[in-house]
Amino acid sequence: AGDYPQIPQPQDIELKSAPKIFKETCEINWNQSAEQIHNFVRGLSPYPAAWTFLQGKVCKVYKTQIVDNQELSSEPFVTDGKKYLMFRCADKMLAVEELQLEGKKRMGVEEFLRGYRF
């Protein structure tokens, strides 16, 4: 309709650029809440990608899902070896849906678990 009021932006505010992202800042801190980690992964996917260590190897994480109905495990991660891979966060479990182990291609968690043995 063209009747939306136009308000000019203030010119006296100093604009700042976003901080540079380094590899060290992309490491996942599993002591945060599941929602914070989920948003962290979404914000860094697909590049530069959030990462963590999985049995001593760097593992990039591209897609996650918060799991509400799973009780917290005492182990850092839980898997059935076929369908799911979940990590313990501060408050809930976080299921990884898409990841990439160092030297391998990006893949879904089921495809990853078919070839990786814990």
C-alpha atoms as a PDB file:
ATOM      1  CA  ALA A   1       0.000   0.000   0.000  1.00  0.00           C
ATOM      2  CA  GLY A   2       3.041   2.270   0.388  1.00  0.00           C
ATOM      3  CA  ASP A   3       1.912   3.727   3.733  1.00  0.00           C
ATOM      4  CA  TYR A   4       4.667   2.191   5.876  1.00  0.00           C
ATOM      5  CA  PRO A   5       6.559   4.959   7.743  1.00  0.00           C
ATOM      6  CA  GLN A   6      10.174   5.323   6.661  1.00  0.00           C
ATOM      7  CA  ILE A   7      12.628   6.103   9.471  1.00  0.00           C
ATOM      8  CA  PRO A   8      16.212   7.010   8.584  1.00  0.00           C
ATOM      9  CA  GLN A   9      18.998   5.158  10.387  1.00  0.00           C
ATOM     10  CA  PRO A  10      20.990   7.200  12.911  1.00  0.00           C
ATOM     11  CA  GLN A  11      24.315   8.358  11.453  1.00  0.00           C
ATOM     12  CA  ASP A  12      26.118   8.922  14.780  1.00  0.00           C
ATOM     13  CA  ILE A  13      26.470   5.171  15.561  1.00  0.00           C
ATOM     14  CA  GLU A  14      29.901   3.707  14.838  1.00  0.00           C
ATOM     15  CA  LEU A  15      29.619   0.592  12.672  1.00  0.00           C
ATOM     16  CA  LYS A  16      31.835  -2.351  13.536  1.00  0.00           C
ATOM     17  CA  SER A  17      32.662  -5.369  11.446  1.00  0.00           C
ATOM     18  CA  ALA A  18      32.126  -8.887  12.755  1.00  0.00           C
ATOM     19  CA  PRO A  19      35.113 -10.546  14.444  1.00  0.00           C
ATOM     20  CA  LYS A  20      37.217 -12.897  12.359  1.00  0.00           C
ATOM     21  CA  ILE A  21      36.478 -16.586  12.855  1.00  0.00           C
ATOM     22  CA  PHE A  22      39.489 -18.769  13.662  1.00  0.00           C
ATOM     23  CA  LYS A  23      39.653 -22.559  13.832  1.00  0.00           C
ATOM     24  CA  GLU A  24      40.030 -22.443  17.626  1.00  0.00           C
ATOM     25  CA  THR A  25      36.752 -20.523  17.991  1.00  0.00           C
ATOM     26  CA  CYS A  26      34.859 -23.230  16.056  1.00  0.00           C
ATOM     27  CA  GLU A  27      35.530 -26.011  18.583  1.00  0.00           C
ATOM     28  CA  ILE A  28      32.351 -27.234  20.278  1.00  0.00           C
ATOM     29  CA  ASN A  29      32.185 -26.723  24.045  1.00  0.00           C
ATOM     30  CA  TRP A  30      30.063 -29.633  25.302  1.00  0.00           C
ATOM     31  CA  ASN A  31      29.606 -27.912  28.695  1.00  0.00           C
ATOM     32  CA  GLN A  32      27.084 -25.514  27.131  1.00  0.00           C
ATOM     33  CA  SER A  33      23.353 -26.195  26.770  1.00  0.00           C
ATOM     34  CA  ALA A  34      22.113 -28.315  23.873  1.00  0.00           C
ATOM     35  CA  GLU A  35      20.306 -25.323  22.369  1.00  0.00           C
ATOM     36  CA  GLN A  36      23.464 -23.169  22.432  1.00  0.00           C
ATOM     37  CA  ILE A  37      25.504 -25.916  20.749  1.00  0.00           C
ATOM     38  CA  HIS A  38      22.755 -26.600  18.190  1.00  0.00           C
ATOM     39  CA  ASN A  39      22.684 -22.901  17.245  1.00  0.00           C
ATOM     40  CA  PHE A  40      26.507 -22.774  17.194  1.00  0.00           C
ATOM     41  CA  VAL A  41      26.596 -25.677  14.702  1.00  0.00           C
ATOM     42  CA  ARG A  42      23.866 -24.105  12.549  1.00  0.00           C
ATOM     43  CA  GLY A  43      25.730 -20.792  12.498  1.00  0.00           C
ATOM     44  CA  LEU A  44      29.011 -22.340  11.357  1.00  0.00           C
ATOM     45  CA  SER A  45      27.573 -24.795   8.829  1.00  0.00           C
ATOM     46  CA  PRO A  46      28.647 -25.425   6.088  1.00  0.00           C
ATOM     47  CA  TYR A  47      31.791 -23.308   6.387  1.00  0.00           C
ATOM     48  CA  PRO A  48      33.985 -23.176   8.457  1.00  0.00           C
ATOM     49  CA  ALA A  49      32.014 -25.850  10.385  1.00  0.00           C
ATOM     50  CA  ALA A  50      31.907 -26.575  14.109  1.00  0.00           C
ATOM     51  CA  TRP A  51      34.227 -29.389  15.170  1.00  0.00           C
ATOM     52  CA  THR A  52      35.061 -31.669  18.041  1.00  0.00           C
ATOM     53  CA  PHE A  53      37.308 -34.624  18.757  1.00  0.00           C
ATOM     54  CA  LEU A  54      35.898 -38.126  18.299  1.00  0.00           C
ATOM     55  CA  GLN A  55      38.289 -40.736  19.703  1.00  0.00           C
ATOM     56  CA  GLY A  56      41.301 -38.513  19.017  1.00  0.00           C
ATOM     57  CA  LYS A  57      40.300 -37.504  15.472  1.00  0.00           C
ATOM     58  CA  VAL A  58      38.886 -34.156  14.360  1.00  0.00           C
ATOM     59  CA  CYS A  59      35.221 -34.479  13.449  1.00  0.00           C
ATOM     60  CA  LYS A  60      33.347 -31.615  11.785  1.00  0.00           C
ATOM     61  CA  VAL A  61      29.663 -31.401  12.707  1.00  0.00           C
ATOM     62  CA  TYR A  62      27.235 -29.939  10.160  1.00  0.00           C
ATOM     63  CA  LYS A  63      23.760 -30.819  11.406  1.00  0.00           C
ATOM     64  CA  THR A  64      22.349 -31.643  14.842  1.00  0.00           C
ATOM     65  CA  GLN A  65      19.028 -32.254  16.544  1.00  0.00           C
ATOM     66  CA  ILE A  66      18.150 -31.641  20.204  1.00  0.00           C
ATOM     67  CA  VAL A  67      16.880 -34.817  21.911  1.00  0.00           C
ATOM     68  CA  ASP A  68      14.357 -34.010  24.652  1.00  0.00           C
ATOM     69  CA  ASN A  69      13.229 -37.475  25.743  1.00  0.00           C
ATOM     70  CA  GLN A  70      16.674 -39.024  26.352  1.00  0.00           C
ATOM     71  CA  GLU A  71      18.165 -39.024  29.839  1.00  0.00           C
ATOM     72  CA  LEU A  72      21.713 -37.703  30.223  1.00  0.00           C
ATOM     73  CA  SER A  73      24.418 -40.301  29.881  1.00  0.00           C
ATOM     74  CA  SER A  74      27.549 -40.459  32.010  1.00  0.00           C
ATOM     75  CA  GLU A  75      29.543 -41.097  28.808  1.00  0.00           C
ATOM     76  CA  PRO A  76      30.540 -38.182  26.534  1.00  0.00           C
ATOM     77  CA  PHE A  77      28.704 -39.800  23.606  1.00  0.00           C
ATOM     78  CA  VAL A  78      26.240 -42.634  23.068  1.00  0.00           C
ATOM     79  CA  THR A  79      25.600 -44.706  19.941  1.00  0.00           C
ATOM     80  CA  ASP A  80      23.885 -47.916  18.945  1.00  0.00           C
ATOM     81  CA  GLY A  81      26.418 -48.340  16.132  1.00  0.00           C
ATOM     82  CA  LYS A  82      23.723 -48.226  13.444  1.00  0.00           C
ATOM     83  CA  LYS A  83      21.223 -45.362  13.664  1.00  0.00           C
ATOM     84  CA  TYR A  84      22.270 -42.603  16.067  1.00  0.00           C
ATOM     85  CA  LEU A  85      25.209 -40.781  17.615  1.00  0.00           C
ATOM     86  CA  MET A  86      24.364 -38.512  20.556  1.00  0.00           C
ATOM     87  CA  PHE A  87      26.635 -36.294  22.620  1.00  0.00           C
ATOM     88  CA  ARG A  88      26.057 -35.237  26.226  1.00  0.00           C
ATOM     89  CA  CYS A  89      25.597 -31.483  26.729  1.00  0.00           C
ATOM     90  CA  ALA A  90      25.058 -29.572  29.966  1.00  0.00           C
ATOM     91  CA  ASP A  91      21.298 -30.121  30.019  1.00  0.00           C
ATOM     92  CA  LYS A  92      20.247 -32.571  27.263  1.00  0.00           C
ATOM     93  CA  MET A  93      21.555 -34.962  24.657  1.00  0.00           C
ATOM     94  CA  LEU A  94      22.342 -33.671  21.161  1.00  0.00           C
ATOM     95  CA  ALA A  95      22.003 -36.020  18.175  1.00  0.00           C
ATOM     96  CA  VAL A  96      24.447 -35.510  15.305  1.00  0.00           C
ATOM     97  CA  GLU A  97      22.795 -35.959  11.908  1.00  0.00           C
ATOM     98  CA  GLU A  98      25.575 -34.944   9.510  1.00  0.00           C
ATOM     99  CA  LEU A  99      29.336 -35.025  10.110  1.00  0.00           C
ATOM    100  CA  GLN A 100      32.760 -35.412   8.522  1.00  0.00           C
ATOM    101  CA  LEU A 101      35.678 -37.264  10.091  1.00  0.00           C
ATOM    102  CA  GLU A 102      39.155 -36.024   9.160  1.00  0.00           C
ATOM    103  CA  GLY A 103      40.255 -37.449   5.823  1.00  0.00           C
ATOM    104  CA  LYS A 104      36.729 -38.625   4.948  1.00  0.00           C
ATOM    105  CA  LYS A 105      33.815 -37.123   3.047  1.00  0.00           C
ATOM    106  CA  ARG A 106      30.797 -35.402   4.568  1.00  0.00           C
ATOM    107  CA  MET A 107      28.028 -37.925   5.325  1.00  0.00           C
ATOM    108  CA  GLY A 108      24.891 -38.671   7.302  1.00  0.00           C
ATOM    109  CA  VAL A 109      25.261 -40.352  10.672  1.00  0.00           C
ATOM    110  CA  GLU A 110      23.887 -43.735   9.523  1.00  0.00           C
ATOM    111  CA  GLU A 111      26.354 -43.872   6.633  1.00  0.00           C
ATOM    112  CA  PHE A 112      29.152 -42.837   8.991  1.00  0.00           C
ATOM    113  CA  LEU A 113      28.283 -45.537  11.536  1.00  0.00           C
ATOM    114  CA  ARG A 114      28.266 -48.253   8.856  1.00  0.00           C
ATOM    115  CA  GLY A 115      31.965 -47.682   8.290  1.00  0.00           C
ATOM    116  CA  TYR A 116      33.226 -46.499  11.698  1.00  0.00           C
ATOM    117  CA  ARG A 117      33.775 -48.825  14.639  1.00  0.00           C
ATOM    118  CA  PHE A 118      33.951 -47.619  18.242  1.00  0.00           C
END
